[in-house]
N, C-alpha and C. Protein backbone atom coordinates (compact mmCIF):
# COMPACT_ATOMS: atom_id res chain seq x y z
N MET A 1 25.90 -22.45 8.76
CA MET A 1 24.91 -21.66 8.58
C MET A 1 24.41 -21.60 7.06
N HIS A 2 23.21 -21.35 6.61
CA HIS A 2 22.74 -21.59 5.21
C HIS A 2 22.91 -20.25 4.78
N CYS A 3 23.32 -20.12 3.28
CA CYS A 3 23.43 -19.03 2.57
C CYS A 3 22.29 -18.08 2.60
N LYS A 4 21.23 -18.69 2.88
CA LYS A 4 19.82 -17.87 2.80
C LYS A 4 19.69 -17.08 3.99
N SER A 5 20.32 -17.39 5.27
CA SER A 5 20.15 -16.64 6.41
C SER A 5 21.17 -15.41 6.57
N TYR A 6 22.32 -15.33 5.55
CA TYR A 6 23.21 -14.32 5.64
C TYR A 6 22.54 -12.86 5.66
N PRO A 7 21.59 -12.72 4.72
CA PRO A 7 20.93 -11.35 4.51
C PRO A 7 20.23 -10.99 5.87
N ALA A 8 19.54 -12.03 6.38
CA ALA A 8 18.84 -11.72 7.72
C ALA A 8 19.76 -11.18 8.63
N VAL A 9 20.89 -12.05 8.97
CA VAL A 9 22.04 -11.62 9.83
C VAL A 9 22.54 -10.31 9.62
N LEU A 10 22.62 -10.10 8.50
CA LEU A 10 23.25 -8.75 8.18
C LEU A 10 22.52 -7.50 8.44
N VAL A 11 21.05 -7.69 8.19
CA VAL A 11 20.15 -6.68 8.49
C VAL A 11 19.99 -6.50 9.90
N LEU A 12 19.98 -7.70 10.69
CA LEU A 12 19.93 -7.55 12.15
C LEU A 12 21.22 -6.88 12.64
N LEU A 13 22.50 -7.07 12.18
CA LEU A 13 23.68 -6.36 12.61
C LEU A 13 23.60 -4.88 12.30
N VAL A 14 23.05 -4.70 11.18
CA VAL A 14 22.96 -3.12 10.77
C VAL A 14 22.02 -2.41 11.57
N LEU A 15 20.89 -3.11 11.93
CA LEU A 15 19.92 -2.61 12.91
C LEU A 15 20.56 -2.43 14.30
N LEU A 16 21.47 -3.25 14.79
CA LEU A 16 21.89 -3.19 16.08
C LEU A 16 22.96 -1.83 16.24
N TYR A 17 23.62 -1.58 15.15
CA TYR A 17 24.63 -0.45 15.18
C TYR A 17 24.08 0.67 14.56
N THR A 18 22.66 1.00 14.30
CA THR A 18 22.24 2.17 13.48
C THR A 18 21.85 3.02 14.79
N ASP A 19 22.09 4.03 14.67
CA ASP A 19 21.36 5.13 15.70
C ASP A 19 19.98 5.06 15.64
N VAL A 20 19.32 5.03 16.77
CA VAL A 20 17.84 4.98 17.02
C VAL A 20 16.98 6.05 16.28
N THR A 21 17.44 7.40 16.17
CA THR A 21 17.02 8.24 15.65
C THR A 21 16.94 8.38 14.32
N VAL A 22 17.97 7.87 13.63
CA VAL A 22 17.94 7.48 12.16
C VAL A 22 16.82 6.46 11.73
N LEU A 23 16.57 5.27 12.53
CA LEU A 23 15.64 4.33 12.46
C LEU A 23 14.31 4.80 12.49
N GLU A 24 13.96 6.00 13.66
CA GLU A 24 12.83 6.56 13.72
C GLU A 24 12.32 7.36 12.63
N ALA A 25 13.34 8.06 12.26
CA ALA A 25 13.06 8.96 11.06
C ALA A 25 12.60 8.00 9.61
N VAL A 26 13.57 6.91 9.73
CA VAL A 26 13.14 5.96 8.21
C VAL A 26 11.78 5.55 8.59
N LEU A 27 11.39 4.95 9.62
CA LEU A 27 10.11 4.30 9.94
C LEU A 27 9.01 5.53 9.96
N LEU A 28 9.22 6.81 10.41
CA LEU A 28 8.28 7.91 10.19
C LEU A 28 8.01 7.97 8.64
N ARG A 29 8.96 8.16 7.92
CA ARG A 29 9.07 8.42 6.59
C ARG A 29 8.26 7.48 5.69
N GLU A 30 8.29 6.22 6.08
CA GLU A 30 7.36 5.10 5.46
C GLU A 30 6.00 5.48 5.89
N MET A 31 5.62 5.78 7.03
CA MET A 31 4.32 5.72 7.68
C MET A 31 3.53 7.07 7.35
N CYS A 32 4.21 8.20 7.30
CA CYS A 32 3.51 9.53 7.01
C CYS A 32 4.10 10.05 5.78
N GLU A 33 3.13 10.59 5.01
CA GLU A 33 3.46 11.19 3.75
C GLU A 33 3.84 12.56 3.97
N CYS A 34 3.31 13.31 4.98
CA CYS A 34 3.59 14.58 5.17
C CYS A 34 4.86 14.54 6.39
N LEU A 35 5.87 15.07 5.97
CA LEU A 35 7.11 15.27 7.00
C LEU A 35 7.19 16.72 7.48
N LYS A 36 6.79 17.73 6.29
CA LYS A 36 6.99 18.93 6.43
C LYS A 36 5.59 19.33 6.04
N THR A 37 5.15 20.69 6.79
CA THR A 37 3.92 20.98 6.51
C THR A 37 4.13 22.59 6.49
N VAL A 38 3.15 23.42 5.67
CA VAL A 38 3.22 24.62 5.64
C VAL A 38 2.02 25.29 6.45
N ASP A 39 1.92 26.45 7.13
CA ASP A 39 0.99 26.84 7.94
C ASP A 39 -0.37 27.41 7.13
N ARG A 40 0.00 28.02 6.08
CA ARG A 40 -1.15 28.40 5.22
C ARG A 40 -0.90 28.60 3.80
N LEU A 41 -1.91 28.48 3.03
CA LEU A 41 -1.81 28.38 1.51
C LEU A 41 -2.75 29.58 0.95
N PRO A 42 -2.61 30.46 0.12
CA PRO A 42 -3.56 31.09 -0.49
C PRO A 42 -4.56 30.27 -1.15
N TRP A 43 -5.94 30.74 -1.01
CA TRP A 43 -7.09 29.77 -1.48
C TRP A 43 -6.94 29.44 -2.96
N ARG A 44 -6.58 30.86 -3.64
CA ARG A 44 -6.74 30.91 -5.03
C ARG A 44 -5.75 30.02 -5.93
N LEU A 45 -4.64 29.39 -4.90
CA LEU A 45 -3.59 28.44 -5.49
C LEU A 45 -4.35 27.02 -5.26
N ILE A 46 -4.97 26.67 -4.69
CA ILE A 46 -5.60 25.35 -4.27
C ILE A 46 -6.38 24.85 -5.37
N ALA A 47 -6.01 23.66 -6.06
CA ALA A 47 -6.81 23.03 -7.01
C ALA A 47 -7.50 21.83 -6.41
N ASP A 48 -6.88 21.20 -5.42
CA ASP A 48 -7.75 20.01 -4.96
C ASP A 48 -6.99 19.69 -3.74
N PHE A 49 -7.57 18.78 -2.82
CA PHE A 49 -6.79 18.19 -1.70
C PHE A 49 -7.42 16.99 -1.23
N GLN A 50 -6.60 16.32 -0.24
CA GLN A 50 -7.06 15.21 0.16
C GLN A 50 -6.69 15.15 1.74
N VAL A 51 -7.52 14.71 2.52
CA VAL A 51 -7.22 14.39 4.02
C VAL A 51 -6.92 12.94 4.30
N ILE A 52 -5.78 12.79 4.82
CA ILE A 52 -5.58 11.24 4.91
C ILE A 52 -5.37 11.01 6.56
N ARG A 53 -6.13 10.11 7.00
CA ARG A 53 -6.19 9.69 8.39
C ARG A 53 -5.70 8.24 8.34
N SER A 54 -4.48 7.92 8.74
CA SER A 54 -4.01 6.53 8.62
C SER A 54 -3.53 6.16 10.01
N PRO A 55 -3.91 4.59 10.33
CA PRO A 55 -3.27 4.12 11.41
C PRO A 55 -1.80 3.91 11.62
N LEU A 56 -1.20 4.30 10.45
CA LEU A 56 0.31 4.05 10.43
C LEU A 56 1.02 5.36 10.60
N CYS A 57 0.19 6.56 10.59
CA CYS A 57 0.55 7.93 11.05
C CYS A 57 -0.18 8.49 12.18
N SER A 58 0.61 9.21 13.31
CA SER A 58 -0.07 9.64 14.41
C SER A 58 -0.79 10.85 14.04
N ASN A 59 -0.46 11.58 12.90
CA ASN A 59 -1.03 12.97 12.60
C ASN A 59 -2.07 12.66 11.25
N VAL A 60 -3.03 13.56 11.36
CA VAL A 60 -3.99 13.75 10.25
C VAL A 60 -3.14 14.60 9.21
N GLN A 61 -3.06 14.15 8.07
CA GLN A 61 -2.35 14.79 6.85
C GLN A 61 -3.19 15.24 5.89
N ILE A 62 -3.08 16.47 5.38
CA ILE A 62 -3.73 17.21 4.64
C ILE A 62 -2.84 17.46 3.49
N VAL A 63 -3.05 16.76 2.22
CA VAL A 63 -2.36 17.01 1.05
C VAL A 63 -2.97 17.94 0.04
N VAL A 64 -2.40 19.09 -0.29
CA VAL A 64 -2.97 19.96 -1.13
C VAL A 64 -2.41 19.92 -2.42
N LYS A 65 -3.11 19.92 -3.52
CA LYS A 65 -2.61 19.96 -4.94
C LYS A 65 -2.69 21.34 -5.55
N LEU A 66 -1.87 22.06 -5.78
CA LEU A 66 -1.59 23.31 -6.23
C LEU A 66 -2.31 23.45 -7.66
N LYS A 67 -2.59 24.43 -8.30
CA LYS A 67 -2.91 24.59 -9.63
C LYS A 67 -1.68 24.29 -10.53
N THR A 68 -0.49 24.30 -9.90
CA THR A 68 0.79 24.09 -10.84
C THR A 68 1.04 22.81 -10.51
N ASN A 69 0.34 21.77 -10.13
CA ASN A 69 0.19 20.46 -9.99
C ASN A 69 1.43 20.09 -8.72
N GLU A 70 1.90 21.04 -8.03
CA GLU A 70 3.00 20.68 -7.04
C GLU A 70 1.93 20.11 -5.95
N LYS A 71 2.35 19.34 -5.01
CA LYS A 71 1.70 18.87 -3.78
C LYS A 71 2.41 19.26 -2.57
N ILE A 72 1.64 19.98 -1.70
CA ILE A 72 2.08 20.44 -0.58
C ILE A 72 1.32 20.10 0.67
N CYS A 73 1.77 19.69 1.83
CA CYS A 73 1.30 19.29 2.97
C CYS A 73 0.90 20.54 3.90
N LEU A 74 -0.31 20.61 4.36
CA LEU A 74 -0.88 21.70 5.12
C LEU A 74 -0.87 21.35 6.58
N ASN A 75 -0.63 22.28 7.57
CA ASN A 75 -0.78 22.02 8.93
C ASN A 75 -2.14 21.66 9.19
N PRO A 76 -2.56 20.53 9.64
CA PRO A 76 -4.10 20.25 10.29
C PRO A 76 -4.37 20.80 11.46
N ASP A 77 -3.41 21.42 12.09
CA ASP A 77 -3.77 21.91 13.43
C ASP A 77 -4.09 23.38 13.47
N LEU A 78 -4.07 24.23 12.54
CA LEU A 78 -4.08 25.68 12.45
C LEU A 78 -5.55 25.71 11.58
N ARG A 79 -5.92 27.18 11.61
CA ARG A 79 -7.28 27.28 11.27
C ARG A 79 -7.80 26.93 9.70
N GLN A 80 -7.05 27.08 8.78
CA GLN A 80 -7.09 26.67 7.54
C GLN A 80 -7.12 25.00 7.24
N GLY A 81 -6.25 24.36 7.93
CA GLY A 81 -6.25 22.85 8.11
C GLY A 81 -7.44 22.39 8.75
N GLN A 82 -8.02 23.08 9.76
CA GLN A 82 -9.22 22.50 10.57
C GLN A 82 -10.55 22.94 9.54
N ARG A 83 -10.53 23.80 8.83
CA ARG A 83 -11.63 24.10 7.83
C ARG A 83 -11.71 23.32 6.79
N ILE A 84 -10.37 22.86 6.19
CA ILE A 84 -10.39 21.57 5.28
C ILE A 84 -10.84 20.37 5.75
N GLN A 85 -10.49 20.05 7.06
CA GLN A 85 -10.93 18.98 7.42
C GLN A 85 -12.56 18.81 7.89
N LYS A 86 -12.96 19.90 8.40
CA LYS A 86 -14.33 19.95 8.54
C LYS A 86 -15.20 19.76 7.23
N CYS A 87 -14.91 20.51 6.16
CA CYS A 87 -15.51 20.12 4.98
C CYS A 87 -15.35 18.88 4.31
N TRP A 88 -14.22 18.17 4.63
CA TRP A 88 -13.83 16.83 4.14
C TRP A 88 -14.65 15.98 4.97
N ASP A 89 -14.96 16.12 6.02
CA ASP A 89 -15.61 15.14 6.89
C ASP A 89 -17.29 15.13 6.60
N ARG A 90 -17.64 16.23 6.18
CA ARG A 90 -19.15 16.38 5.95
C ARG A 90 -19.33 16.11 4.38
N ARG A 91 -18.35 15.91 3.41
CA ARG A 91 -18.62 15.59 1.95
C ARG A 91 -19.50 14.50 1.79
N THR A 92 -20.21 14.37 0.84
CA THR A 92 -20.73 13.23 0.33
C THR A 92 -20.29 12.87 -1.08
N ASP A 93 -21.10 12.12 -1.66
CA ASP A 93 -20.72 11.49 -3.01
C ASP A 93 -20.94 12.74 -4.13
N THR A 94 -21.75 13.64 -3.81
CA THR A 94 -22.32 14.64 -4.46
C THR A 94 -21.39 15.97 -4.48
N VAL A 95 -20.86 15.94 -3.19
CA VAL A 95 -20.06 17.17 -2.93
C VAL A 95 -18.54 17.03 -3.35
N GLU A 96 -18.04 17.84 -4.10
CA GLU A 96 -16.42 17.82 -4.55
C GLU A 96 -15.67 18.52 -3.66
N PRO A 97 -14.54 18.07 -3.63
CA PRO A 97 -13.51 18.91 -2.64
C PRO A 97 -13.37 20.43 -3.12
N GLU A 98 -13.66 20.76 -4.19
CA GLU A 98 -13.65 22.09 -4.78
C GLU A 98 -14.57 22.92 -4.16
N SER A 99 -15.59 22.36 -3.53
CA SER A 99 -16.70 23.16 -2.92
C SER A 99 -16.22 23.75 -1.56
N CYS A 100 -15.34 23.25 -0.92
CA CYS A 100 -14.62 23.47 0.19
C CYS A 100 -13.74 24.75 -0.03
N ILE A 101 -13.31 25.15 -1.16
CA ILE A 101 -12.55 26.22 -1.33
C ILE A 101 -13.25 27.62 -1.81
N PRO A 102 -13.00 28.41 -0.76
CA PRO A 102 -13.89 29.69 -1.11
C PRO A 102 -13.69 30.32 -2.31
N LEU A 103 -14.73 30.95 -2.90
CA LEU A 103 -14.75 31.60 -4.03
C LEU A 103 -14.08 33.02 -3.96
N LEU A 104 -13.41 33.42 -4.71
CA LEU A 104 -12.72 34.90 -4.68
C LEU A 104 -13.88 35.87 -5.32
N PRO A 105 -14.09 36.97 -4.58
CA PRO A 105 -14.87 37.93 -5.36
C PRO A 105 -14.21 38.16 -6.78
N LYS A 106 -15.18 38.61 -7.64
CA LYS A 106 -14.33 38.98 -9.18
C LYS A 106 -14.54 40.39 -9.16
């Protein structure tokens, strides 16, 4: 056997002896950016957001950037997530994501 094939054989052996759930978690982590989501965020904390629809992930992902520069994933199935998705879908080059965030009364 050639020395170049040893790493491939080693990887196959590891895969054969690895628990299937661990492999699924690793694959999911590589495909989806959002592994945990929150149900709701106060609008006043949201600075920007991005809706990601990827063939590699079965879920729609909403990545929200807070004013503290922290990134959090929002649940796309609940009301706030659906509202952000609708606004994202109707955006154009002239519409900024910030226009989707309701203005608070002064």
